[in-house]
Amino acid sequence: MKVKIEQRSVYHKFVELEIEIPDTIEEDKIDEYILSIEDQWIEDIDHKLNETEFILGTGLYDHPGHEDSEAEHEWRYECEEWGIGGHL
């Protein structure tokens, strides 16, 4: 008789990129603004992602705010100056 031994290992990558946004952007419009200028930062974050190493685990407990265990990708912004953040 034969049996199969299987293993599923989960790895993740995590990168951060700081961008400047105008002081005139209202607090509740930050996510809209970031998405409206995606063409200005998406390549930089992709480059950083390609350069970083895989880390064993989901990353859900390592990175506060990232909590969607069903998502293949999870995008957030954090604004330390105003103490806010959210999903994109």
PDB file of N, CA and C in Angstrom:
ATOM      1  N   MET A   1       0.841  -1.167   0.000  1.00  0.00           N
ATOM      2  CA  MET A   1       0.000   0.000   0.000  1.00  0.00           C
ATOM      3  C   MET A   1       0.896   1.243   0.000  1.00  0.00           C
ATOM      4  N   LYS A   2       0.476   2.254  -0.748  1.00  0.00           N
ATOM      5  CA  LYS A   2       1.196   3.522  -0.807  1.00  0.00           C
ATOM      6  C   LYS A   2       0.362   4.601  -0.135  1.00  0.00           C
ATOM      7  N   VAL A   3       1.040   5.509   0.493  1.00  0.00           N
ATOM      8  CA  VAL A   3       0.385   6.694   1.048  1.00  0.00           C
ATOM      9  C   VAL A   3       1.138   7.917   0.561  1.00  0.00           C
ATOM     10  N   LYS A   4       0.447   9.001   0.484  1.00  0.00           N
ATOM     11  CA  LYS A   4       1.077  10.266   0.106  1.00  0.00           C
ATOM     12  C   LYS A   4       1.275  11.096   1.364  1.00  0.00           C
ATOM     13  N   ILE A   5       2.408  11.687   1.459  1.00  0.00           N
ATOM     14  CA  ILE A   5       2.668  12.652   2.508  1.00  0.00           C
ATOM     15  C   ILE A   5       2.655  14.021   1.847  1.00  0.00           C
ATOM     16  N   GLU A   6       1.823  14.905   2.361  1.00  0.00           N
ATOM     17  CA  GLU A   6       1.667  16.221   1.763  1.00  0.00           C
ATOM     18  C   GLU A   6       1.967  17.306   2.790  1.00  0.00           C
ATOM     19  N   GLN A   7       2.458  18.401   2.301  1.00  0.00           N
ATOM     20  CA  GLN A   7       2.674  19.565   3.147  1.00  0.00           C
ATOM     21  C   GLN A   7       2.307  20.809   2.367  1.00  0.00           C
ATOM     22  N   ARG A   8       1.632  21.703   3.013  1.00  0.00           N
ATOM     23  CA  ARG A   8       1.334  23.002   2.430  1.00  0.00           C
ATOM     24  C   ARG A   8       1.987  24.043   3.325  1.00  0.00           C
ATOM     25  N   SER A   9       2.936  24.797   2.791  1.00  0.00           N
ATOM     26  CA  SER A   9       3.626  25.842   3.541  1.00  0.00           C
ATOM     27  C   SER A   9       3.234  27.195   2.972  1.00  0.00           C
ATOM     28  N   VAL A  10       2.969  28.122   3.839  1.00  0.00           N
ATOM     29  CA  VAL A  10       2.554  29.462   3.422  1.00  0.00           C
ATOM     30  C   VAL A  10       3.684  30.445   3.714  1.00  0.00           C
ATOM     31  N   TYR A  11       4.021  31.225   2.707  1.00  0.00           N
ATOM     32  CA  TYR A  11       5.038  32.264   2.832  1.00  0.00           C
ATOM     33  C   TYR A  11       4.440  33.584   2.395  1.00  0.00           C
ATOM     34  N   HIS A  12       5.037  34.655   2.843  1.00  0.00           N
ATOM     35  CA  HIS A  12       4.561  35.965   2.419  1.00  0.00           C
ATOM     36  C   HIS A  12       5.741  36.912   2.229  1.00  0.00           C
ATOM     37  N   LYS A  13       5.453  38.006   1.562  1.00  0.00           N
ATOM     38  CA  LYS A  13       6.394  39.110   1.432  1.00  0.00           C
ATOM     39  C   LYS A  13       5.679  40.353   1.951  1.00  0.00           C
ATOM     40  N   PHE A  14       6.436  41.269   2.495  1.00  0.00           N
ATOM     41  CA  PHE A  14       5.866  42.508   3.001  1.00  0.00           C
ATOM     42  C   PHE A  14       6.815  43.651   2.681  1.00  0.00           C
ATOM     43  N   VAL A  15       6.293  44.709   2.093  1.00  0.00           N
ATOM     44  CA  VAL A  15       7.094  45.899   1.814  1.00  0.00           C
ATOM     45  C   VAL A  15       6.301  47.138   2.185  1.00  0.00           C
ATOM     46  N   GLU A  16       7.019  48.200   2.420  1.00  0.00           N
ATOM     47  CA  GLU A  16       6.422  49.501   2.690  1.00  0.00           C
ATOM     48  C   GLU A  16       7.067  50.520   1.771  1.00  0.00           C
ATOM     49  N   LEU A  17       6.293  51.521   1.408  1.00  0.00           N
ATOM     50  CA  LEU A  17       6.783  52.609   0.576  1.00  0.00           C
ATOM     51  C   LEU A  17       6.154  53.891   1.096  1.00  0.00           C
ATOM     52  N   GLU A  18       6.961  54.871   1.409  1.00  0.00           N
ATOM     53  CA  GLU A  18       6.440  56.163   1.852  1.00  0.00           C
ATOM     54  C   GLU A  18       6.279  57.083   0.655  1.00  0.00           C
ATOM     55  N   ILE A  19       5.134  57.761   0.602  1.00  0.00           N
ATOM     56  CA  ILE A  19       4.892  58.756  -0.436  1.00  0.00           C
ATOM     57  C   ILE A  19       4.420  60.038   0.244  1.00  0.00           C
ATOM     58  N   GLU A  20       4.612  61.129  -0.431  1.00  0.00           N
ATOM     59  CA  GLU A  20       4.127  62.423   0.049  1.00  0.00           C
ATOM     60  C   GLU A  20       2.748  62.672  -0.552  1.00  0.00           C
ATOM     61  N   ILE A  21       1.855  63.176   0.281  1.00  0.00           N
ATOM     62  CA  ILE A  21       0.556  63.606  -0.227  1.00  0.00           C
ATOM     63  C   ILE A  21       0.351  65.058   0.189  1.00  0.00           C
ATOM     64  N   PRO A  22      -0.395  65.811  -0.593  1.00  0.00           N
ATOM     65  CA  PRO A  22      -0.593  67.228  -0.257  1.00  0.00           C
ATOM     66  C   PRO A  22      -1.329  67.390   1.074  1.00  0.00           C
ATOM     67  N   ASP A  23      -0.981  68.440   1.797  1.00  0.00           N
ATOM     68  CA  ASP A  23      -1.647  68.734   3.065  1.00  0.00           C
ATOM     69  C   ASP A  23      -3.122  69.074   2.871  1.00  0.00           C
ATOM     70  N   THR A  24      -3.496  69.361   1.651  1.00  0.00           N
ATOM     71  CA  THR A  24      -4.882  69.751   1.384  1.00  0.00           C
ATOM     72  C   THR A  24      -5.834  68.551   1.273  1.00  0.00           C
ATOM     73  N   ILE A  25      -5.280  67.348   1.233  1.00  0.00           N
ATOM     74  CA  ILE A  25      -6.124  66.144   1.136  1.00  0.00           C
ATOM     75  C   ILE A  25      -6.826  65.930   2.478  1.00  0.00           C
ATOM     76  N   GLU A  26      -8.136  65.783   2.425  1.00  0.00           N
ATOM     77  CA  GLU A  26      -8.919  65.558   3.638  1.00  0.00           C
ATOM     78  C   GLU A  26      -8.693  64.140   4.152  1.00  0.00           C
ATOM     79  N   GLU A  27      -8.790  63.992   5.466  1.00  0.00           N
ATOM     80  CA  GLU A  27      -8.523  62.714   6.129  1.00  0.00           C
ATOM     81  C   GLU A  27      -9.332  61.569   5.532  1.00  0.00           C
ATOM     82  N   ASP A  28     -10.599  61.799   5.251  1.00  0.00           N
ATOM     83  CA  ASP A  28     -11.455  60.723   4.732  1.00  0.00           C
ATOM     84  C   ASP A  28     -11.316  60.513   3.226  1.00  0.00           C
ATOM     85  N   LYS A  29     -10.393  61.250   2.596  1.00  0.00           N
ATOM     86  CA  LYS A  29     -10.167  61.118   1.145  1.00  0.00           C
ATOM     87  C   LYS A  29      -8.780  60.586   0.817  1.00  0.00           C
ATOM     88  N   ILE A  30      -8.004  60.215   1.847  1.00  0.00           N
ATOM     89  CA  ILE A  30      -6.634  59.751   1.606  1.00  0.00           C
ATOM     90  C   ILE A  30      -6.620  58.519   0.706  1.00  0.00           C
ATOM     91  N   ASP A  31      -7.482  57.536   0.990  1.00  0.00           N
ATOM     92  CA  ASP A  31      -7.481  56.321   0.177  1.00  0.00           C
ATOM     93  C   ASP A  31      -7.805  56.615  -1.280  1.00  0.00           C
ATOM     94  N   GLU A  32      -8.776  57.482  -1.518  1.00  0.00           N
ATOM     95  CA  GLU A  32      -9.131  57.853  -2.894  1.00  0.00           C
ATOM     96  C   GLU A  32      -7.960  58.529  -3.602  1.00  0.00           C
ATOM     97  N   TYR A  33      -7.284  59.416  -2.884  1.00  0.00           N
ATOM     98  CA  TYR A  33      -6.143  60.112  -3.481  1.00  0.00           C
ATOM     99  C   TYR A  33      -5.022  59.134  -3.826  1.00  0.00           C
ATOM    100  N   ILE A  34      -4.699  58.247  -2.893  1.00  0.00           N
ATOM    101  CA  ILE A  34      -3.620  57.276  -3.136  1.00  0.00           C
ATOM    102  C   ILE A  34      -3.933  56.429  -4.376  1.00  0.00           C
ATOM    103  N   LEU A  35      -5.169  55.982  -4.480  1.00  0.00           N
ATOM    104  CA  LEU A  35      -5.542  55.175  -5.645  1.00  0.00           C
ATOM    105  C   LEU A  35      -5.534  55.999  -6.931  1.00  0.00           C
ATOM    106  N   SER A  36      -5.832  57.290  -6.827  1.00  0.00           N
ATOM    107  CA  SER A  36      -5.858  58.132  -8.031  1.00  0.00           C
ATOM    108  C   SER A  36      -4.454  58.397  -8.583  1.00  0.00           C
ATOM    109  N   ILE A  37      -3.425  58.249  -7.739  1.00  0.00           N
ATOM    110  CA  ILE A  37      -2.043  58.464  -8.204  1.00  0.00           C
ATOM    111  C   ILE A  37      -1.261  57.150  -8.231  1.00  0.00           C
ATOM    112  N   GLU A  38      -1.964  56.041  -8.333  1.00  0.00           N
ATOM    113  CA  GLU A  38      -1.323  54.718  -8.320  1.00  0.00           C
ATOM    114  C   GLU A  38      -0.187  54.606  -9.328  1.00  0.00           C
ATOM    115  N   ASP A  39      -0.348  55.243 -10.477  1.00  0.00           N
ATOM    116  CA  ASP A  39       0.695  55.155 -11.504  1.00  0.00           C
ATOM    117  C   ASP A  39       2.013  55.772 -11.048  1.00  0.00           C
ATOM    118  N   GLN A  40       1.997  56.586  -9.996  1.00  0.00           N
ATOM    119  CA  GLN A  40       3.206  57.232  -9.505  1.00  0.00           C
ATOM    120  C   GLN A  40       3.969  56.378  -8.496  1.00  0.00           C
ATOM    121  N   TRP A  41       3.346  55.334  -7.932  1.00  0.00           N
ATOM    122  CA  TRP A  41       4.036  54.546  -6.903  1.00  0.00           C
ATOM    123  C   TRP A  41       4.000  53.037  -7.127  1.00  0.00           C
ATOM    124  N   ILE A  42       3.158  52.544  -8.021  1.00  0.00           N
ATOM    125  CA  ILE A  42       2.966  51.098  -8.170  1.00  0.00           C
ATOM    126  C   ILE A  42       4.243  50.383  -8.626  1.00  0.00           C
ATOM    127  N   GLU A  43       4.994  50.981  -9.530  1.00  0.00           N
ATOM    128  CA  GLU A  43       6.222  50.333  -9.998  1.00  0.00           C
ATOM    129  C   GLU A  43       7.274  50.261  -8.894  1.00  0.00           C
ATOM    130  N   ASP A  44       7.350  51.292  -8.071  1.00  0.00           N
ATOM    131  CA  ASP A  44       8.315  51.297  -6.965  1.00  0.00           C
ATOM    132  C   ASP A  44       7.996  50.197  -5.963  1.00  0.00           C
ATOM    133  N   ILE A  45       6.726  50.031  -5.642  1.00  0.00           N
ATOM    134  CA  ILE A  45       6.373  49.003  -4.665  1.00  0.00           C
ATOM    135  C   ILE A  45       6.550  47.611  -5.267  1.00  0.00           C
ATOM    136  N   ASP A  46       6.252  47.457  -6.545  1.00  0.00           N
ATOM    137  CA  ASP A  46       6.498  46.173  -7.210  1.00  0.00           C
ATOM    138  C   ASP A  46       7.986  45.832  -7.209  1.00  0.00           C
ATOM    139  N   HIS A  47       8.826  46.828  -7.461  1.00  0.00           N
ATOM    140  CA  HIS A  47      10.280  46.606  -7.451  1.00  0.00           C
ATOM    141  C   HIS A  47      10.738  46.166  -6.056  1.00  0.00           C
ATOM    142  N   LYS A  48      10.264  46.861  -5.025  1.00  0.00           N
ATOM    143  CA  LYS A  48      10.632  46.484  -3.657  1.00  0.00           C
ATOM    144  C   LYS A  48      10.163  45.066  -3.337  1.00  0.00           C
ATOM    145  N   LEU A  49       8.974  44.715  -3.801  1.00  0.00           N
ATOM    146  CA  LEU A  49       8.428  43.384  -3.557  1.00  0.00           C
ATOM    147  C   LEU A  49       9.276  42.315  -4.228  1.00  0.00           C
ATOM    148  N   ASN A  50       9.739  42.591  -5.431  1.00  0.00           N
ATOM    149  CA  ASN A  50      10.600  41.637  -6.135  1.00  0.00           C
ATOM    150  C   ASN A  50      11.952  41.461  -5.445  1.00  0.00           C
ATOM    151  N   GLU A  51      12.420  42.490  -4.756  1.00  0.00           N
ATOM    152  CA  GLU A  51      13.725  42.457  -4.107  1.00  0.00           C
ATOM    153  C   GLU A  51      13.698  41.822  -2.716  1.00  0.00           C
ATOM    154  N   THR A  52      12.538  41.710  -2.103  1.00  0.00           N
ATOM    155  CA  THR A  52      12.469  41.213  -0.731  1.00  0.00           C
ATOM    156  C   THR A  52      12.341  39.688  -0.697  1.00  0.00           C
ATOM    157  N   GLU A  53      12.699  39.116   0.426  1.00  0.00           N
ATOM    158  CA  GLU A  53      12.678  37.663   0.608  1.00  0.00           C
ATOM    159  C   GLU A  53      11.327  37.186   1.119  1.00  0.00           C
ATOM    160  N   PHE A  54      11.011  35.941   0.836  1.00  0.00           N
ATOM    161  CA  PHE A  54       9.821  35.318   1.393  1.00  0.00           C
ATOM    162  C   PHE A  54      10.032  35.033   2.874  1.00  0.00           C
ATOM    163  N   ILE A  55       8.967  35.178   3.654  1.00  0.00           N
ATOM    164  CA  ILE A  55       8.992  34.910   5.090  1.00  0.00           C
ATOM    165  C   ILE A  55       7.943  33.832   5.367  1.00  0.00           C
ATOM    166  N   LEU A  56       8.324  32.836   6.138  1.00  0.00           N
ATOM    167  CA  LEU A  56       7.398  31.756   6.465  1.00  0.00           C
ATOM    168  C   LEU A  56       6.232  32.295   7.288  1.00  0.00           C
ATOM    169  N   GLY A  57       5.027  31.924   6.923  1.00  0.00           N
ATOM    170  CA  GLY A  57       3.824  32.326   7.643  1.00  0.00           C
ATOM    171  C   GLY A  57       2.959  33.257   6.815  1.00  0.00           C
ATOM    172  N   THR A  58       1.790  33.553   7.342  1.00  0.00           N
ATOM    173  CA  THR A  58       0.825  34.382   6.622  1.00  0.00           C
ATOM    174  C   THR A  58       1.120  35.864   6.728  1.00  0.00           C
ATOM    175  N   GLY A  59       1.810  36.275   7.777  1.00  0.00           N
ATOM    176  CA  GLY A  59       2.081  37.693   7.989  1.00  0.00           C
ATOM    177  C   GLY A  59       0.945  38.424   8.677  1.00  0.00           C
ATOM    178  N   LEU A  60      -0.150  37.715   8.940  1.00  0.00           N
ATOM    179  CA  LEU A  60      -1.310  38.364   9.546  1.00  0.00           C
ATOM    180  C   LEU A  60      -1.027  38.844  10.965  1.00  0.00           C
ATOM    181  N   TYR A  61      -0.162  38.161  11.666  1.00  0.00           N
ATOM    182  CA  TYR A  61       0.130  38.540  13.045  1.00  0.00           C
ATOM    183  C   TYR A  61       1.358  39.441  13.136  1.00  0.00           C
ATOM    184  N   ASP A  62       2.101  39.536  12.052  1.00  0.00           N
ATOM    185  CA  ASP A  62       3.330  40.325  12.039  1.00  0.00           C
ATOM    186  C   ASP A  62       3.100  41.779  11.640  1.00  0.00           C
ATOM    187  N   HIS A  63       2.001  42.037  10.954  1.00  0.00           N
ATOM    188  CA  HIS A  63       1.756  43.357  10.385  1.00  0.00           C
ATOM    189  C   HIS A  63       0.357  43.835  10.778  1.00  0.00           C
ATOM    190  N   PRO A  64       0.247  44.630  11.836  1.00  0.00           N
ATOM    191  CA  PRO A  64      -1.066  45.090  12.306  1.00  0.00           C
ATOM    192  C   PRO A  64      -1.897  45.719  11.195  1.00  0.00           C
ATOM    193  N   GLY A  65      -3.176  45.414  11.197  1.00  0.00           N
ATOM    194  CA  GLY A  65      -4.081  45.943  10.181  1.00  0.00           C
ATOM    195  C   GLY A  65      -4.270  45.016   9.005  1.00  0.00           C
ATOM    196  N   HIS A  66      -3.308  44.146   8.777  1.00  0.00           N
ATOM    197  CA  HIS A  66      -3.434  43.155   7.708  1.00  0.00           C
ATOM    198  C   HIS A  66      -4.093  41.928   8.324  1.00  0.00           C
ATOM    199  N   GLU A  67      -5.351  41.744   8.002  1.00  0.00           N
ATOM    200  CA  GLU A  67      -6.131  40.734   8.713  1.00  0.00           C
ATOM    201  C   GLU A  67      -7.040  39.904   7.824  1.00  0.00           C
ATOM    202  N   ASP A  68      -6.977  40.123   6.518  1.00  0.00           N
ATOM    203  CA  ASP A  68      -7.871  39.410   5.606  1.00  0.00           C
ATOM    204  C   ASP A  68      -7.228  38.090   5.189  1.00  0.00           C
ATOM    205  N   SER A  69      -7.547  37.045   5.915  1.00  0.00           N
ATOM    206  CA  SER A  69      -6.920  35.743   5.667  1.00  0.00           C
ATOM    207  C   SER A  69      -7.357  35.120   4.346  1.00  0.00           C
ATOM    208  N   GLU A  70      -8.421  35.614   3.758  1.00  0.00           N
ATOM    209  CA  GLU A  70      -8.911  35.073   2.490  1.00  0.00           C
ATOM    210  C   GLU A  70      -8.278  35.768   1.277  1.00  0.00           C
ATOM    211  N   ALA A  71      -7.685  36.927   1.480  1.00  0.00           N
ATOM    212  CA  ALA A  71      -7.156  37.711   0.361  1.00  0.00           C
ATOM    213  C   ALA A  71      -5.792  37.200  -0.095  1.00  0.00           C
ATOM    214  N   GLU A  72      -5.587  37.198  -1.386  1.00  0.00           N
ATOM    215  CA  GLU A  72      -4.279  36.857  -1.925  1.00  0.00           C
ATOM    216  C   GLU A  72      -3.330  38.046  -1.846  1.00  0.00           C
ATOM    217  N   HIS A  73      -3.877  39.247  -1.852  1.00  0.00           N
ATOM    218  CA  HIS A  73      -3.109  40.485  -1.703  1.00  0.00           C
ATOM    219  C   HIS A  73      -3.911  41.389  -0.774  1.00  0.00           C
ATOM    220  N   GLU A  74      -3.223  42.129   0.048  1.00  0.00           N
ATOM    221  CA  GLU A  74      -3.912  43.062   0.935  1.00  0.00           C
ATOM    222  C   GLU A  74      -3.145  44.382   0.932  1.00  0.00           C
ATOM    223  N   TRP A  75      -3.839  45.435   0.552  1.00  0.00           N
ATOM    224  CA  TRP A  75      -3.242  46.763   0.445  1.00  0.00           C
ATOM    225  C   TRP A  75      -3.806  47.655   1.541  1.00  0.00           C
ATOM    226  N   ARG A  76      -2.923  48.373   2.236  1.00  0.00           N
ATOM    227  CA  ARG A  76      -3.315  49.313   3.286  1.00  0.00           C
ATOM    228  C   ARG A  76      -2.494  50.592   3.155  1.00  0.00           C
ATOM    229  N   TYR A  77      -2.988  51.635   3.792  1.00  0.00           N
ATOM    230  CA  TYR A  77      -2.182  52.831   3.986  1.00  0.00           C
ATOM    231  C   TYR A  77      -2.177  53.144   5.473  1.00  0.00           C
ATOM    232  N   GLU A  78      -1.129  53.766   5.929  1.00  0.00           N
ATOM    233  CA  GLU A  78      -1.011  54.210   7.322  1.00  0.00           C
ATOM    234  C   GLU A  78      -0.529  55.648   7.308  1.00  0.00           C
ATOM    235  N   CYS A  79      -1.162  56.495   8.075  1.00  0.00           N
ATOM    236  CA  CYS A  79      -0.755  57.890   8.221  1.00  0.00           C
ATOM    237  C   CYS A  79      -0.482  58.120   9.701  1.00  0.00           C
ATOM    238  N   GLU A  80       0.784  58.002  10.088  1.00  0.00           N
ATOM    239  CA  GLU A  80       1.152  58.142  11.490  1.00  0.00           C
ATOM    240  C   GLU A  80       0.853  59.538  12.019  1.00  0.00           C
ATOM    241  N   GLU A  81       1.015  60.552  11.175  1.00  0.00           N
ATOM    242  CA  GLU A  81       0.785  61.939  11.599  1.00  0.00           C
ATOM    243  C   GLU A  81      -0.642  62.131  12.115  1.00  0.00           C
ATOM    244  N   TRP A  82      -1.616  61.521  11.441  1.00  0.00           N
ATOM    245  CA  TRP A  82      -3.012  61.661  11.854  1.00  0.00           C
ATOM    246  C   TRP A  82      -3.485  60.462  12.661  1.00  0.00           C
ATOM    247  N   GLY A  83      -2.647  59.440  12.776  1.00  0.00           N
ATOM    248  CA  GLY A  83      -3.029  58.245  13.530  1.00  0.00           C
ATOM    249  C   GLY A  83      -4.152  57.464  12.881  1.00  0.00           C
ATOM    250  N   ILE A  84      -4.154  57.433  11.555  1.00  0.00           N
ATOM    251  CA  ILE A  84      -5.198  56.705  10.835  1.00  0.00           C
ATOM    252  C   ILE A  84      -4.583  55.771   9.817  1.00  0.00           C
ATOM    253  N   GLY A  85      -5.383  54.886   9.308  1.00  0.00           N
ATOM    254  CA  GLY A  85      -4.980  53.958   8.257  1.00  0.00           C
ATOM    255  C   GLY A  85      -6.204  53.202   7.794  1.00  0.00           C
ATOM    256  N   GLY A  86      -6.044  52.478   6.713  1.00  0.00           N
ATOM    257  CA  GLY A  86      -7.155  51.690   6.217  1.00  0.00           C
ATOM    258  C   GLY A  86      -6.773  50.901   4.986  1.00  0.00           C
ATOM    259  N   HIS A  87      -7.701  50.100   4.557  1.00  0.00           N
ATOM    260  CA  HIS A  87      -7.477  49.281   3.368  1.00  0.00           C
ATOM    261  C   HIS A  87      -7.698  50.104   2.102  1.00  0.00           C
ATOM    262  N   LEU A  88      -6.950  49.741   1.077  1.00  0.00           N
ATOM    263  CA  LEU A  88      -7.138  50.349  -0.243  1.00  0.00           C
ATOM    264  C   LEU A  88      -7.919  49.396  -1.108  1.00  0.00           C
TER     265      LEU A  88
END
